[in-house]
Amino acid sequence: MKAKEYAAQYSELVSEGSDEYPASTIMKQMVREVGLLQEARSSQSNSAMISILQEQERKWQLFCRIVGEKSLRLDGFREVIKSCFPSYVVQFWESYERSMQQRQTQRRIGR
């Protein structure tokens, strides 16, 4: 699903009042989508998993911006992943991002 679709579903849940925590419903779907994307893409490598996690994190952040709720944290997806996934997955993800930031910095200063 796209962030706009999640936002529409969130608005629906809020207006119906049927869900006590509509944001958690959306989060659960996004986390489930990680597994579905991994399966659909037949991805087994660490880098493929990192790409999926980054994609979902960007989707969550866009969802938060679309919905505009102050209570929704932009880093919420990452925090949930930290609690749901084994620690080595999170450590690899963070290590990968640090190395990418270092590469970008080196390119900017001309190394």
Protein backbone atom coordinates (compact mmCIF):
# COMPACT_ATOMS: atom_id res chain seq x y z
CA MET A 1 0.00 0.00 0.00
CA LYS A 2 1.02 3.58 -0.47
CA ALA A 3 1.27 6.16 2.29
CA LYS A 4 -1.82 7.95 0.95
CA GLU A 5 -3.82 4.72 1.19
CA TYR A 6 -2.66 4.17 4.76
CA ALA A 7 -3.62 7.78 5.58
CA ALA A 8 -7.09 7.25 4.11
CA GLN A 9 -7.50 4.07 6.12
CA TYR A 10 -6.33 5.87 9.26
CA SER A 11 -8.88 8.65 8.70
CA GLU A 12 -11.57 6.02 8.25
CA LEU A 13 -10.61 4.27 11.48
CA VAL A 14 -10.60 7.57 13.36
CA SER A 15 -13.98 8.68 12.00
CA GLU A 16 -15.58 5.30 12.71
CA GLY A 17 -14.19 5.26 16.21
CA SER A 18 -13.98 1.50 15.85
CA ASP A 19 -10.33 1.28 16.78
CA GLU A 20 -8.91 2.55 20.03
CA TYR A 21 -5.45 2.97 18.50
CA PRO A 22 -5.73 3.53 14.73
CA ALA A 23 -2.03 4.36 14.38
CA SER A 24 -1.06 0.99 15.84
CA THR A 25 -3.33 -0.75 13.32
CA ILE A 26 -1.53 1.04 10.49
CA MET A 27 1.87 0.28 12.02
CA LYS A 28 1.06 -3.43 12.29
CA GLN A 29 0.09 -3.47 8.62
CA MET A 30 3.33 -1.74 7.62
CA VAL A 31 5.42 -4.20 9.65
CA ARG A 32 3.50 -7.11 8.08
CA GLU A 33 4.19 -5.56 4.69
CA VAL A 34 7.94 -5.92 5.34
CA GLY A 35 7.54 -9.70 5.26
CA LEU A 36 5.24 -9.60 2.27
CA LEU A 37 7.68 -7.44 0.29
CA GLN A 38 10.57 -9.69 1.23
CA GLU A 39 8.63 -12.72 0.03
CA ALA A 40 7.34 -11.05 -3.15
CA ARG A 41 10.85 -9.94 -4.10
CA SER A 42 12.40 -13.27 -3.07
CA SER A 43 14.96 -11.26 -1.16
CA GLN A 44 17.28 -13.05 1.20
CA SER A 45 20.30 -10.78 1.40
CA ASN A 46 20.93 -8.28 4.15
CA SER A 47 21.05 -5.39 1.70
CA ALA A 48 17.65 -6.33 0.26
CA MET A 49 16.16 -6.40 3.74
CA ILE A 50 17.71 -3.03 4.54
CA SER A 51 16.18 -1.58 1.37
CA ILE A 52 12.76 -2.85 2.36
CA LEU A 53 13.10 -1.44 5.89
CA GLN A 54 14.21 1.93 4.53
CA GLU A 55 11.33 1.95 2.07
CA GLN A 56 8.82 1.21 4.83
CA GLU A 57 10.39 3.81 7.12
CA ARG A 58 10.04 6.48 4.42
CA LYS A 59 6.44 5.37 3.89
CA TRP A 60 5.72 5.71 7.62
CA GLN A 61 7.28 9.18 7.69
CA LEU A 62 5.20 10.28 4.70
CA PHE A 63 2.10 8.79 6.32
CA CYS A 64 2.82 10.86 9.46
CA ARG A 65 3.19 14.03 7.40
CA ILE A 66 -0.02 13.38 5.46
CA VAL A 67 -2.05 12.63 8.59
CA GLY A 68 -0.51 15.59 10.43
CA GLU A 69 -1.05 14.18 13.92
CA LYS A 70 1.45 15.68 16.35
CA SER A 71 1.39 12.50 18.43
CA LEU A 72 2.77 10.37 15.57
CA ARG A 73 6.55 10.13 15.71
CA LEU A 74 8.56 10.17 12.50
CA ASP A 75 10.95 7.63 14.03
CA GLY A 76 8.07 5.41 15.13
CA PHE A 77 8.63 2.75 12.49
CA ARG A 78 12.29 2.34 13.42
CA GLU A 79 11.40 2.11 17.11
CA VAL A 80 8.84 -0.62 16.43
CA ILE A 81 11.35 -2.51 14.26
CA LYS A 82 13.83 -2.35 17.13
CA SER A 83 11.32 -4.09 19.35
CA CYS A 84 10.07 -6.62 16.75
CA PHE A 85 13.19 -7.72 14.91
CA PRO A 86 16.32 -9.40 16.26
CA SER A 87 18.91 -6.90 17.45
CA TYR A 88 21.41 -7.89 14.74
CA VAL A 89 18.99 -6.72 12.03
CA VAL A 90 18.68 -3.30 13.64
CA GLN A 91 22.44 -3.09 14.25
CA PHE A 92 23.15 -3.96 10.62
CA TRP A 93 20.61 -1.38 9.43
CA GLU A 94 22.12 1.37 11.57
CA SER A 95 25.67 0.36 10.62
CA TYR A 96 24.74 0.40 6.94
CA GLU A 97 23.25 3.88 7.24
CA ARG A 98 26.31 5.21 9.07
CA SER A 99 28.60 3.88 6.33
CA MET A 100 26.39 5.46 3.66
CA GLN A 101 26.52 8.81 5.46
CA GLN A 102 30.32 8.58 5.67
CA ARG A 103 30.53 7.87 1.93
CA GLN A 104 28.35 10.87 1.15
CA THR A 105 30.48 13.08 3.37
CA GLN A 106 33.66 11.86 1.68
CA ARG A 107 32.18 12.57 -1.76
CA ARG A 108 31.24 16.08 -0.70
CA ILE A 109 34.74 16.90 0.52
CA GLY A 110 36.27 15.37 -2.59
CA ARG A 111 38.06 12.29 -1.33
